[in-house]
Amino acid sequence: MREFEKTWLLGLVAMCCSGCSRVPSAEVVGTFLPAWMFCIAGALVLTGLIRLELVRRGLENKLGPLVLFYPSVAVAIGCLLWLIFFA
């Protein structure tokens, strides 16, 4: 058991000492903003457009709990935007 604790502690120290090679950020009017902010903003806009389309076609009534559906769609789109633009 003692050997496991040493290995775990060594792994934790290694993770804390490592850093990012570059910080993904974008300059907007002289200020550097984290890239994830743009991904979230884009995801919220696209999720809103998806909702409008679902309502227009009458499909929103057939979805599961909307309180889980729309945040899940926003997270999925945000991650997809991150992979497309910043990975």
N, C-alpha and C. Protein backbone atom coordinates (compact mmCIF):
# COMPACT_ATOMS: atom_id res chain seq x y z
N MET A 1 0.82 -1.19 0.00
CA MET A 1 0.00 0.00 0.00
C MET A 1 0.86 1.25 0.00
N ARG A 2 1.98 1.21 0.67
CA ARG A 2 2.87 2.36 0.76
C ARG A 2 3.42 2.75 -0.62
N GLU A 3 3.71 1.76 -1.45
CA GLU A 3 4.24 2.02 -2.79
C GLU A 3 3.20 2.73 -3.66
N PHE A 4 1.95 2.35 -3.51
CA PHE A 4 0.87 3.00 -4.26
C PHE A 4 0.77 4.48 -3.89
N GLU A 5 0.89 4.81 -2.60
CA GLU A 5 0.81 6.19 -2.16
C GLU A 5 1.95 7.03 -2.73
N LYS A 6 3.15 6.46 -2.81
CA LYS A 6 4.28 7.18 -3.38
C LYS A 6 4.07 7.44 -4.87
N THR A 7 3.56 6.46 -5.58
CA THR A 7 3.30 6.61 -7.01
C THR A 7 2.23 7.66 -7.25
N TRP A 8 1.19 7.64 -6.46
CA TRP A 8 0.11 8.60 -6.59
C TRP A 8 0.60 10.01 -6.31
N LEU A 9 1.41 10.16 -5.27
CA LEU A 9 1.95 11.46 -4.91
C LEU A 9 2.89 11.99 -6.00
N LEU A 10 3.71 11.12 -6.56
CA LEU A 10 4.62 11.51 -7.64
C LEU A 10 3.82 11.97 -8.87
N GLY A 11 2.76 11.27 -9.19
CA GLY A 11 1.92 11.66 -10.32
C GLY A 11 1.25 13.01 -10.08
N LEU A 12 0.80 13.24 -8.87
CA LEU A 12 0.16 14.52 -8.53
C LEU A 12 1.16 15.67 -8.63
N VAL A 13 2.36 15.47 -8.15
CA VAL A 13 3.40 16.51 -8.24
C VAL A 13 3.75 16.78 -9.70
N ALA A 14 3.84 15.75 -10.53
CA ALA A 14 4.16 15.93 -11.94
C ALA A 14 3.07 16.73 -12.65
N MET A 15 1.80 16.49 -12.32
CA MET A 15 0.72 17.24 -12.95
C MET A 15 0.74 18.70 -12.52
N CYS A 16 1.09 18.97 -11.28
CA CYS A 16 1.12 20.35 -10.79
C CYS A 16 2.30 21.13 -11.36
N CYS A 17 3.38 20.46 -11.70
CA CYS A 17 4.57 21.14 -12.20
C CYS A 17 4.50 21.39 -13.71
N SER A 18 3.68 20.65 -14.41
CA SER A 18 3.60 20.84 -15.86
C SER A 18 2.72 22.04 -16.16
N GLY A 19 2.97 22.66 -17.29
CA GLY A 19 2.19 23.83 -17.66
C GLY A 19 1.81 23.77 -19.12
N CYS A 20 1.06 24.75 -19.54
CA CYS A 20 0.65 24.84 -20.94
C CYS A 20 1.79 25.39 -21.77
N SER A 21 1.93 24.88 -22.98
CA SER A 21 2.96 25.40 -23.86
C SER A 21 2.56 26.77 -24.40
N ARG A 22 1.29 26.98 -24.62
CA ARG A 22 0.77 28.28 -25.04
C ARG A 22 -0.65 28.42 -24.51
N VAL A 23 -1.02 29.63 -24.26
CA VAL A 23 -2.36 29.89 -23.76
C VAL A 23 -3.23 30.29 -24.95
N PRO A 24 -4.29 29.53 -25.23
CA PRO A 24 -5.16 29.90 -26.34
C PRO A 24 -5.98 31.15 -25.99
N SER A 25 -5.62 32.25 -26.58
CA SER A 25 -6.36 33.48 -26.35
C SER A 25 -6.43 34.27 -27.65
N ALA A 26 -7.36 35.18 -27.70
CA ALA A 26 -7.55 36.01 -28.88
C ALA A 26 -7.58 37.47 -28.47
N GLU A 27 -7.01 38.32 -29.29
CA GLU A 27 -6.98 39.74 -28.97
C GLU A 27 -8.24 40.41 -29.51
N VAL A 28 -8.93 41.11 -28.62
CA VAL A 28 -10.12 41.86 -28.99
C VAL A 28 -9.96 43.26 -28.41
N VAL A 29 -9.82 44.24 -29.28
CA VAL A 29 -9.68 45.64 -28.89
C VAL A 29 -8.57 45.80 -27.85
N GLY A 30 -7.44 45.19 -28.09
CA GLY A 30 -6.29 45.34 -27.21
C GLY A 30 -6.31 44.48 -25.97
N THR A 31 -7.33 43.68 -25.76
CA THR A 31 -7.42 42.82 -24.59
C THR A 31 -7.40 41.37 -25.03
N PHE A 32 -6.61 40.57 -24.33
CA PHE A 32 -6.55 39.14 -24.66
C PHE A 32 -7.61 38.41 -23.84
N LEU A 33 -8.53 37.79 -24.53
CA LEU A 33 -9.60 37.03 -23.89
C LEU A 33 -9.36 35.54 -24.10
N PRO A 34 -9.70 34.71 -23.13
CA PRO A 34 -9.55 33.27 -23.31
C PRO A 34 -10.42 32.77 -24.46
N ALA A 35 -9.90 31.82 -25.19
CA ALA A 35 -10.60 31.31 -26.36
C ALA A 35 -11.91 30.63 -26.00
N TRP A 36 -12.00 30.04 -24.80
CA TRP A 36 -13.22 29.33 -24.44
C TRP A 36 -14.41 30.28 -24.35
N MET A 37 -14.16 31.57 -24.10
CA MET A 37 -15.26 32.53 -24.05
C MET A 37 -15.94 32.66 -25.42
N PHE A 38 -15.13 32.65 -26.48
CA PHE A 38 -15.69 32.72 -27.82
C PHE A 38 -16.46 31.45 -28.16
N CYS A 39 -15.95 30.31 -27.71
CA CYS A 39 -16.64 29.04 -27.97
C CYS A 39 -17.99 29.00 -27.25
N ILE A 40 -18.03 29.49 -26.03
CA ILE A 40 -19.29 29.51 -25.29
C ILE A 40 -20.29 30.45 -25.95
N ALA A 41 -19.82 31.64 -26.33
CA ALA A 41 -20.72 32.61 -26.98
C ALA A 41 -21.27 32.04 -28.29
N GLY A 42 -20.41 31.44 -29.09
CA GLY A 42 -20.88 30.83 -30.34
C GLY A 42 -21.84 29.68 -30.09
N ALA A 43 -21.55 28.88 -29.06
CA ALA A 43 -22.42 27.75 -28.75
C ALA A 43 -23.80 28.23 -28.30
N LEU A 44 -23.85 29.30 -27.53
CA LEU A 44 -25.14 29.81 -27.08
C LEU A 44 -25.95 30.37 -28.25
N VAL A 45 -25.29 31.04 -29.15
CA VAL A 45 -25.99 31.58 -30.33
C VAL A 45 -26.52 30.43 -31.19
N LEU A 46 -25.67 29.43 -31.45
CA LEU A 46 -26.10 28.30 -32.27
C LEU A 46 -27.20 27.48 -31.60
N THR A 47 -27.12 27.34 -30.28
CA THR A 47 -28.18 26.62 -29.56
C THR A 47 -29.50 27.37 -29.65
N GLY A 48 -29.45 28.69 -29.57
CA GLY A 48 -30.66 29.49 -29.74
C GLY A 48 -31.26 29.32 -31.12
N LEU A 49 -30.41 29.29 -32.15
CA LEU A 49 -30.91 29.08 -33.51
C LEU A 49 -31.50 27.68 -33.68
N ILE A 50 -30.88 26.70 -33.05
CA ILE A 50 -31.42 25.33 -33.10
C ILE A 50 -32.78 25.29 -32.41
N ARG A 51 -32.92 25.97 -31.28
CA ARG A 51 -34.20 26.00 -30.58
C ARG A 51 -35.28 26.65 -31.45
N LEU A 52 -34.93 27.76 -32.09
CA LEU A 52 -35.92 28.42 -32.96
C LEU A 52 -36.36 27.50 -34.09
N GLU A 53 -35.44 26.77 -34.65
CA GLU A 53 -35.78 25.84 -35.74
C GLU A 53 -36.65 24.69 -35.23
N LEU A 54 -36.33 24.17 -34.04
CA LEU A 54 -37.14 23.09 -33.48
C LEU A 54 -38.56 23.56 -33.17
N VAL A 55 -38.70 24.77 -32.66
CA VAL A 55 -40.03 25.32 -32.36
C VAL A 55 -40.79 25.55 -33.66
N ARG A 56 -40.11 26.09 -34.68
CA ARG A 56 -40.76 26.37 -35.97
C ARG A 56 -41.30 25.09 -36.59
N ARG A 57 -40.58 23.99 -36.46
CA ARG A 57 -41.01 22.71 -37.04
C ARG A 57 -41.93 21.92 -36.11
N GLY A 58 -42.12 22.39 -34.88
CA GLY A 58 -43.00 21.71 -33.93
C GLY A 58 -42.39 20.47 -33.32
N LEU A 59 -41.07 20.39 -33.28
CA LEU A 59 -40.40 19.21 -32.75
C LEU A 59 -39.98 19.35 -31.29
N GLU A 60 -40.04 20.56 -30.75
CA GLU A 60 -39.58 20.75 -29.37
C GLU A 60 -40.46 19.99 -28.38
N ASN A 61 -41.73 19.83 -28.69
CA ASN A 61 -42.65 19.11 -27.80
C ASN A 61 -42.26 17.64 -27.67
N LYS A 62 -41.59 17.09 -28.67
CA LYS A 62 -41.27 15.66 -28.68
C LYS A 62 -39.93 15.35 -28.01
N LEU A 63 -39.22 16.38 -27.57
CA LEU A 63 -37.93 16.16 -26.91
C LEU A 63 -38.13 15.80 -25.46
N GLY A 64 -37.07 15.28 -24.86
CA GLY A 64 -37.10 14.93 -23.44
C GLY A 64 -37.11 16.18 -22.58
N PRO A 65 -36.63 16.09 -21.37
CA PRO A 65 -36.62 17.27 -20.50
C PRO A 65 -35.73 18.36 -21.11
N LEU A 66 -36.34 19.50 -21.41
CA LEU A 66 -35.63 20.58 -22.09
C LEU A 66 -34.54 21.19 -21.22
N VAL A 67 -34.71 21.11 -19.91
CA VAL A 67 -33.71 21.65 -18.99
C VAL A 67 -32.39 20.88 -19.08
N LEU A 68 -32.44 19.67 -19.57
CA LEU A 68 -31.22 18.88 -19.80
C LEU A 68 -30.79 18.91 -21.26
N PHE A 69 -31.74 19.01 -22.16
CA PHE A 69 -31.44 18.94 -23.59
C PHE A 69 -30.63 20.14 -24.07
N TYR A 70 -31.10 21.35 -23.79
CA TYR A 70 -30.44 22.53 -24.34
C TYR A 70 -29.05 22.78 -23.74
N PRO A 71 -28.85 22.61 -22.43
CA PRO A 71 -27.46 22.74 -21.94
C PRO A 71 -26.52 21.69 -22.53
N SER A 72 -27.03 20.50 -22.77
CA SER A 72 -26.21 19.45 -23.38
C SER A 72 -25.84 19.81 -24.81
N VAL A 73 -26.79 20.37 -25.54
CA VAL A 73 -26.51 20.81 -26.91
C VAL A 73 -25.48 21.94 -26.89
N ALA A 74 -25.61 22.87 -25.96
CA ALA A 74 -24.67 23.99 -25.87
C ALA A 74 -23.26 23.50 -25.55
N VAL A 75 -23.13 22.56 -24.64
CA VAL A 75 -21.81 22.02 -24.29
C VAL A 75 -21.21 21.28 -25.47
N ALA A 76 -22.02 20.49 -26.14
CA ALA A 76 -21.52 19.74 -27.30
C ALA A 76 -21.05 20.68 -28.41
N ILE A 77 -21.82 21.72 -28.67
CA ILE A 77 -21.43 22.68 -29.71
C ILE A 77 -20.18 23.44 -29.28
N GLY A 78 -20.12 23.83 -28.01
CA GLY A 78 -18.94 24.54 -27.51
C GLY A 78 -17.67 23.72 -27.64
N CYS A 79 -17.75 22.45 -27.30
CA CYS A 79 -16.58 21.56 -27.45
C CYS A 79 -16.22 21.37 -28.91
N LEU A 80 -17.21 21.27 -29.76
CA LEU A 80 -16.95 21.12 -31.19
C LEU A 80 -16.28 22.37 -31.76
N LEU A 81 -16.75 23.54 -31.36
CA LEU A 81 -16.13 24.78 -31.82
C LEU A 81 -14.68 24.88 -31.33
N TRP A 82 -14.44 24.46 -30.09
CA TRP A 82 -13.09 24.46 -29.56
C TRP A 82 -12.18 23.57 -30.40
N LEU A 83 -12.66 22.38 -30.73
CA LEU A 83 -11.84 21.46 -31.53
C LEU A 83 -11.59 21.99 -32.93
N ILE A 84 -12.59 22.63 -33.52
CA ILE A 84 -12.45 23.13 -34.87
C ILE A 84 -11.48 24.30 -34.94
N PHE A 85 -11.59 25.24 -34.02
CA PHE A 85 -10.83 26.49 -34.13
C PHE A 85 -9.54 26.53 -33.32
N PHE A 86 -9.45 25.78 -32.22
CA PHE A 86 -8.31 25.96 -31.32
C PHE A 86 -7.50 24.70 -31.05
N ALA A 87 -7.87 23.58 -31.62
CA ALA A 87 -7.12 22.34 -31.35
C ALA A 87 -6.03 22.12 -32.38
